C-alpha atoms as a PDB file:
ATOM      1  CA  MET A   1     158.619 190.011 133.519  1.00  0.00           C
ATOM      2  CA  ASP A   2     155.516 187.905 132.983  1.00  0.00           C
ATOM      3  CA  TRP A   3     154.963 188.101 129.227  1.00  0.00           C
ATOM      4  CA  TYR A   4     151.308 187.002 129.442  1.00  0.00           C
ATOM      5  CA  TYR A   5     150.475 189.669 132.004  1.00  0.00           C
ATOM      6  CA  GLU A   6     152.271 192.425 130.080  1.00  0.00           C
ATOM      7  CA  ALA A   7     150.620 191.419 126.781  1.00  0.00           C
ATOM      8  CA  SER A   8     147.182 191.289 128.437  1.00  0.00           C
ATOM      9  CA  LYS A   9     147.733 194.680 130.075  1.00  0.00           C
ATOM     10  CA  PHE A  10     148.866 196.180 126.766  1.00  0.00           C
ATOM     11  CA  LEU A  11     145.826 194.823 124.903  1.00  0.00           C
ATOM     12  CA  HIS A  12     143.525 196.034 127.714  1.00  0.00           C
ATOM     13  CA  ILE A  13     144.970 199.545 127.397  1.00  0.00           C
ATOM     14  CA  ALA A  14     144.970 199.498 123.585  1.00  0.00           C
ATOM     15  CA  PHE A  15     141.300 198.548 123.366  1.00  0.00           C
ATOM     16  CA  ALA A  16     140.397 201.035 126.100  1.00  0.00           C
ATOM     17  CA  ILE A  17     142.149 203.778 124.101  1.00  0.00           C
ATOM     18  CA  GLY A  18     140.099 202.890 121.009  1.00  0.00           C
ATOM     19  CA  TRP A  19     136.893 202.905 123.032  1.00  0.00           C
ATOM     20  CA  LEU A  20     137.626 206.150 124.880  1.00  0.00           C
ATOM     21  CA  GLY A  21     139.252 208.015 122.020  1.00  0.00           C
ATOM     22  CA  GLY A  22     136.674 207.168 119.386  1.00  0.00           C
ATOM     23  CA  GLY A  23     133.797 208.034 121.672  1.00  0.00           C
ATOM     24  CA  LEU A  24     135.399 211.251 122.852  1.00  0.00           C
ATOM     25  CA  ALA A  25     135.829 212.363 119.230  1.00  0.00           C
ATOM     26  CA  LEU A  26     132.132 211.706 118.581  1.00  0.00           C
ATOM     27  CA  VAL A  27     131.064 213.569 121.744  1.00  0.00           C
ATOM     28  CA  MET A  28     133.130 216.528 120.592  1.00  0.00           C
ATOM     29  CA  LEU A  29     131.645 216.374 117.076  1.00  0.00           C
ATOM     30  CA  GLY A  30     128.176 216.156 118.644  1.00  0.00           C
ATOM     31  CA  GLY A  31     128.915 219.249 120.714  1.00  0.00           C
ATOM     32  CA  LYS A  32     130.093 221.071 117.594  1.00  0.00           C
ATOM     33  CA  ALA A  33     127.033 219.968 115.625  1.00  0.00           C
ATOM     34  CA  SER A  34     124.675 221.036 118.414  1.00  0.00           C
ATOM     35  CA  GLN A  35     126.043 224.587 118.163  1.00  0.00           C
ATOM     36  CA  THR A  36     125.390 224.945 114.423  1.00  0.00           C
ATOM     37  CA  LYS A  37     122.164 225.780 112.642  1.00  0.00           C
ATOM     38  CA  ASP A  38     122.510 222.584 110.570  1.00  0.00           C
ATOM     39  CA  GLY A  39     120.271 220.009 112.274  1.00  0.00           C
ATOM     40  CA  GLU A  40     121.188 217.427 109.659  1.00  0.00           C
ATOM     41  CA  GLU A  41     124.813 217.546 110.865  1.00  0.00           C
ATOM     42  CA  PHE A  42     123.642 216.709 114.392  1.00  0.00           C
ATOM     43  CA  VAL A  43     121.651 213.733 113.062  1.00  0.00           C
ATOM     44  CA  ARG A  44     124.728 212.614 111.042  1.00  0.00           C
ATOM     45  CA  VAL A  45     126.786 212.478 114.237  1.00  0.00           C
ATOM     46  CA  ILE A  46     124.171 210.189 115.814  1.00  0.00           C
ATOM     47  CA  ARG A  47     124.248 208.017 112.674  1.00  0.00           C
ATOM     48  CA  ASP A  48     128.040 207.861 112.981  1.00  0.00           C
ATOM     49  CA  MET A  49     127.692 206.890 116.655  1.00  0.00           C
ATOM     50  CA  LEU A  50     125.449 203.964 115.678  1.00  0.00           C
ATOM     51  CA  TYR A  51     127.813 202.918 112.898  1.00  0.00           C
ATOM     52  CA  LEU A  52     130.799 202.954 115.232  1.00  0.00           C
ATOM     53  CA  ALA A  53     128.904 201.328 118.126  1.00  0.00           C
ATOM     54  CA  GLU A  54     128.840 197.959 116.389  1.00  0.00           C
ATOM     55  CA  ARG A  55     132.226 198.264 114.700  1.00  0.00           C
ATOM     56  CA  LEU A  56     134.343 199.942 117.380  1.00  0.00           C
ATOM     57  CA  PHE A  57     132.744 200.752 120.741  1.00  0.00           C
ATOM     58  CA  ILE A  58     131.095 197.437 121.607  1.00  0.00           C
ATOM     59  CA  PRO A  59     133.982 195.200 120.401  1.00  0.00           C
ATOM     60  CA  ALA A  60     136.646 197.467 121.945  1.00  0.00           C
ATOM     61  CA  ALA A  61     134.764 197.658 125.260  1.00  0.00           C
ATOM     62  CA  LEU A  62     134.328 193.898 125.441  1.00  0.00           C
ATOM     63  CA  LEU A  63     137.957 193.238 124.492  1.00  0.00           C
ATOM     64  CA  ALA A  64     139.152 195.832 127.026  1.00  0.00           C
ATOM     65  CA  LEU A  65     137.104 193.961 129.640  1.00  0.00           C
ATOM     66  CA  VAL A  66     138.390 190.531 128.612  1.00  0.00           C
ATOM     67  CA  PHE A  67     142.043 191.569 128.600  1.00  0.00           C
ATOM     68  CA  GLY A  68     141.641 193.636 131.768  1.00  0.00           C
ATOM     69  CA  VAL A  69     140.123 190.694 133.637  1.00  0.00           C
ATOM     70  CA  LEU A  70     142.833 188.408 132.256  1.00  0.00           C
ATOM     71  CA  ALA A  71     145.599 190.820 133.314  1.00  0.00           C
ATOM     72  CA  ALA A  72     144.066 191.173 136.801  1.00  0.00           C
ATOM     73  CA  TRP A  73     143.789 187.387 137.134  1.00  0.00           C
ATOM     74  CA  LEU A  74     147.359 186.819 135.942  1.00  0.00           C
ATOM     75  CA  ALA A  75     148.654 189.432 138.415  1.00  0.00           C
ATOM     76  CA  GLY A  76     146.566 188.053 141.279  1.00  0.00           C
ATOM     77  CA  PHE A  77     144.693 191.346 141.849  1.00  0.00           C
ATOM     78  CA  TYR A  78     141.236 189.720 142.162  1.00  0.00           C
ATOM     79  CA  TRP A  79     138.947 191.775 144.455  1.00  0.00           C
ATOM     80  CA  GLN A  80     141.069 194.834 145.073  1.00  0.00           C
ATOM     81  CA  ALA A  81     139.098 198.090 145.266  1.00  0.00           C
ATOM     82  CA  TRP A  82     140.316 199.518 141.972  1.00  0.00           C
ATOM     83  CA  ILE A  83     139.420 196.301 140.151  1.00  0.00           C
ATOM     84  CA  VAL A  84     135.894 196.220 141.621  1.00  0.00           C
ATOM     85  CA  ILE A  85     135.373 199.943 140.939  1.00  0.00           C
ATOM     86  CA  GLY A  86     136.608 199.449 137.373  1.00  0.00           C
ATOM     87  CA  LEU A  87     134.206 196.547 136.815  1.00  0.00           C
ATOM     88  CA  ILE A  88     131.291 198.550 138.216  1.00  0.00           C
ATOM     89  CA  GLY A  89     132.203 201.515 136.002  1.00  0.00           C
ATOM     90  CA  PHE A  90     132.457 199.233 132.974  1.00  0.00           C
ATOM     91  CA  ALA A  91     129.061 197.703 133.755  1.00  0.00           C
ATOM     92  CA  VAL A  92     127.419 201.128 134.047  1.00  0.00           C
ATOM     93  CA  THR A  93     128.903 202.559 130.832  1.00  0.00           C
ATOM     94  CA  PHE A  94     128.428 199.390 128.796  1.00  0.00           C
ATOM     95  CA  THR A  95     124.817 199.042 129.955  1.00  0.00           C
ATOM     96  CA  LEU A  96     124.166 202.718 129.278  1.00  0.00           C
ATOM     97  CA  GLY A  97     125.500 202.305 125.750  1.00  0.00           C
ATOM     98  CA  ILE A  98     123.714 199.040 124.934  1.00  0.00           C
ATOM     99  CA  ALA A  99     120.429 199.621 126.759  1.00  0.00           C
ATOM    100  CA  VAL A 100     119.945 203.382 126.342  1.00  0.00           C
ATOM    101  CA  MET A 101     122.140 205.119 123.754  1.00  0.00           C
ATOM    102  CA  LYS A 102     122.031 202.478 121.010  1.00  0.00           C
ATOM    103  CA  PRO A 103     118.232 201.952 121.006  1.00  0.00           C
ATOM    104  CA  SER A 104     117.610 205.697 121.438  1.00  0.00           C
ATOM    105  CA  GLY A 105     119.905 206.400 118.509  1.00  0.00           C
ATOM    106  CA  GLU A 106     118.207 203.771 116.355  1.00  0.00           C
ATOM    107  CA  ASN A 107     114.776 205.227 117.143  1.00  0.00           C
ATOM    108  CA  LEU A 108     116.035 208.737 116.451  1.00  0.00           C
ATOM    109  CA  VAL A 109     117.511 207.753 113.075  1.00  0.00           C
ATOM    110  CA  ALA A 110     114.243 206.040 112.076  1.00  0.00           C
ATOM    111  CA  GLN A 111     112.308 209.171 113.053  1.00  0.00           C
ATOM    112  CA  ALA A 112     114.806 211.433 111.230  1.00  0.00           C
ATOM    113  CA  ASP A 113     114.428 209.283 108.099  1.00  0.00           C
ATOM    114  CA  LYS A 114     110.688 210.062 108.172  1.00  0.00           C
ATOM    115  CA  GLU A 115     110.644 213.712 109.174  1.00  0.00           C
ATOM    116  CA  GLY A 116     114.176 215.062 108.801  1.00  0.00           C
ATOM    117  CA  ALA A 117     115.842 217.176 111.456  1.00  0.00           C
ATOM    118  CA  SER A 118     112.597 218.223 113.167  1.00  0.00           C
ATOM    119  CA  ALA A 119     112.554 219.980 116.534  1.00  0.00           C
ATOM    120  CA  ASP A 120     111.709 216.665 118.253  1.00  0.00           C
ATOM    121  CA  VAL A 121     114.564 214.856 116.484  1.00  0.00           C
ATOM    122  CA  LEU A 122     117.014 217.576 117.538  1.00  0.00           C
ATOM    123  CA  ARG A 123     115.765 217.395 121.145  1.00  0.00           C
ATOM    124  CA  GLN A 124     116.445 213.659 121.083  1.00  0.00           C
ATOM    125  CA  CYS A 125     119.906 214.297 119.578  1.00  0.00           C
ATOM    126  CA  ALA A 126     120.620 216.667 122.483  1.00  0.00           C
ATOM    127  CA  ARG A 127     119.402 214.033 124.972  1.00  0.00           C
ATOM    128  CA  ILE A 128     121.713 211.385 123.495  1.00  0.00           C
ATOM    129  CA  LEU A 129     124.617 213.850 123.580  1.00  0.00           C
ATOM    130  CA  ARG A 130     123.928 214.578 127.280  1.00  0.00           C
ATOM    131  CA  ILE A 131     123.914 210.840 128.037  1.00  0.00           C
ATOM    132  CA  ALA A 132     127.155 210.395 126.064  1.00  0.00           C
ATOM    133  CA  ARG A 133     128.775 213.235 128.009  1.00  0.00           C
ATOM    134  CA  PHE A 134     127.817 211.581 131.292  1.00  0.00           C
ATOM    135  CA  ASP A 135     129.132 208.289 129.927  1.00  0.00           C
ATOM    136  CA  TYR A 136     132.485 209.949 129.356  1.00  0.00           C
ATOM    137  CA  VAL A 137     132.529 211.326 132.878  1.00  0.00           C
ATOM    138  CA  MET A 138     132.130 207.686 133.955  1.00  0.00           C
ATOM    139  CA  LEU A 139     134.771 206.387 131.545  1.00  0.00           C
ATOM    140  CA  PHE A 140     137.380 208.955 132.500  1.00  0.00           C
ATOM    141  CA  THR A 141     136.653 208.299 136.169  1.00  0.00           C
ATOM    142  CA  VAL A 142     137.306 204.610 135.513  1.00  0.00           C
ATOM    143  CA  ALA A 143     140.558 205.531 133.731  1.00  0.00           C
ATOM    144  CA  PHE A 144     141.535 207.714 136.719  1.00  0.00           C
ATOM    145  CA  ASN A 145     140.718 204.773 138.989  1.00  0.00           C
ATOM    146  CA  MET A 146     142.927 202.449 136.926  1.00  0.00           C
ATOM    147  CA  VAL A 147     145.875 204.838 137.156  1.00  0.00           C
ATOM    148  CA  PHE A 148     145.606 205.683 140.879  1.00  0.00           C
ATOM    149  CA  LYS A 149     144.521 202.175 141.968  1.00  0.00           C
ATOM    150  CA  PRO A 150     142.808 203.064 145.265  1.00  0.00           C
ATOM    151  CA  ASP A 151     142.716 200.538 148.069  1.00  0.00           C
ATOM    152  CA  TRP A 152     139.576 199.971 150.149  1.00  0.00           C
ATOM    153  CA  ALA A 153     141.144 202.216 152.814  1.00  0.00           C
ATOM    154  CA  ASP A 154     141.480 205.131 150.335  1.00  0.00           C
ATOM    155  CA  TRP A 155     137.965 206.311 151.143  1.00  0.00           C
ATOM    156  CA  ALA A 156     138.701 209.970 150.285  1.00  0.00           C
ATOM    157  CA  LEU A 157     139.838 209.083 146.761  1.00  0.00           C
ATOM    158  CA  ILE A 158     136.883 206.730 146.259  1.00  0.00           C
ATOM    159  CA  ALA A 159     134.481 209.369 147.630  1.00  0.00           C
ATOM    160  CA  GLY A 160     136.043 211.953 145.296  1.00  0.00           C
ATOM    161  CA  MET A 161     135.479 209.702 142.285  1.00  0.00           C
ATOM    162  CA  ALA A 162     131.893 209.089 143.394  1.00  0.00           C
ATOM    163  CA  ALA A 163     131.392 212.863 143.742  1.00  0.00           C
ATOM    164  CA  VAL A 164     132.673 213.430 140.190  1.00  0.00           C
ATOM    165  CA  VAL A 165     130.268 210.809 138.830  1.00  0.00           C
ATOM    166  CA  ALA A 166     127.382 212.301 140.864  1.00  0.00           C
ATOM    167  CA  ALA A 167     128.202 215.796 139.602  1.00  0.00           C
ATOM    168  CA  GLY A 168     128.287 214.464 136.032  1.00  0.00           C
ATOM    169  CA  ALA A 169     124.883 212.865 136.536  1.00  0.00           C
ATOM    170  CA  ILE A 170     123.438 216.114 137.881  1.00  0.00           C
ATOM    171  CA  VAL A 171     124.933 218.271 135.118  1.00  0.00           C
ATOM    172  CA  PHE A 172     124.219 215.987 132.171  1.00  0.00           C
ATOM    173  CA  LEU A 173     121.256 213.842 133.198  1.00  0.00           C
ATOM    174  CA  ALA A 174     119.272 215.607 135.909  1.00  0.00           C
ATOM    175  CA  MET A 175     119.414 219.080 134.354  1.00  0.00           C
ATOM    176  CA  PRO A 176     118.625 218.821 130.637  1.00  0.00           C
ATOM    177  CA  GLY A 177     119.797 221.732 128.497  1.00  0.00           C
ATOM    178  CA  GLU A 178     116.342 223.278 128.303  1.00  0.00           C
ATOM    179  CA  ARG A 179     116.060 223.563 132.101  1.00  0.00           C
ATOM    180  CA  ARG A 180     119.660 224.732 132.463  1.00  0.00           C
ATOM    181  CA  ALA A 181     119.091 227.484 129.903  1.00  0.00           C
ATOM    182  CA  ALA A 182     115.920 228.574 131.715  1.00  0.00           C
ATOM    183  CA  THR A 183     117.711 228.814 135.064  1.00  0.00           C
ATOM    184  CA  ALA A 184     120.786 230.613 133.718  1.00  0.00           C
END
């Protein structure tokens, strides 16, 4: 057993668990808050997301990446399909978090500080929750990818993962809740 590889793999998985588990809990709390009449609770969940972004999500994501790349390098995996797909998935979710969710959440909190849980603030909370739900479709697809480790010849499995991500984008990003409710 290569101790360096096993330690790197363990740390990769441990940080990925922190990233996935913490975020999933917040997505679930956001879903709960969106169903209540208490708009302030919904805003609190977004505040908690921002608090945890800098203290848990960003560091855990970066450390999961570092130890995952190190484990792949130590094992000689390099450009295998599941490694490339995992890196692409990481890039999408990390960019979505840093470039979209974090600044949107900061703007929302600033607006909520001025006007409370107004209708516009709650619409923005719902938008951030939809983005977070899509992000978790991506993250769990990456986790699925890491477990099943498709090869470049496993086109059906890769196409299936792409279909799941596309469906998540349609459900959570292309059809905001207001339009979905109108068409139901």
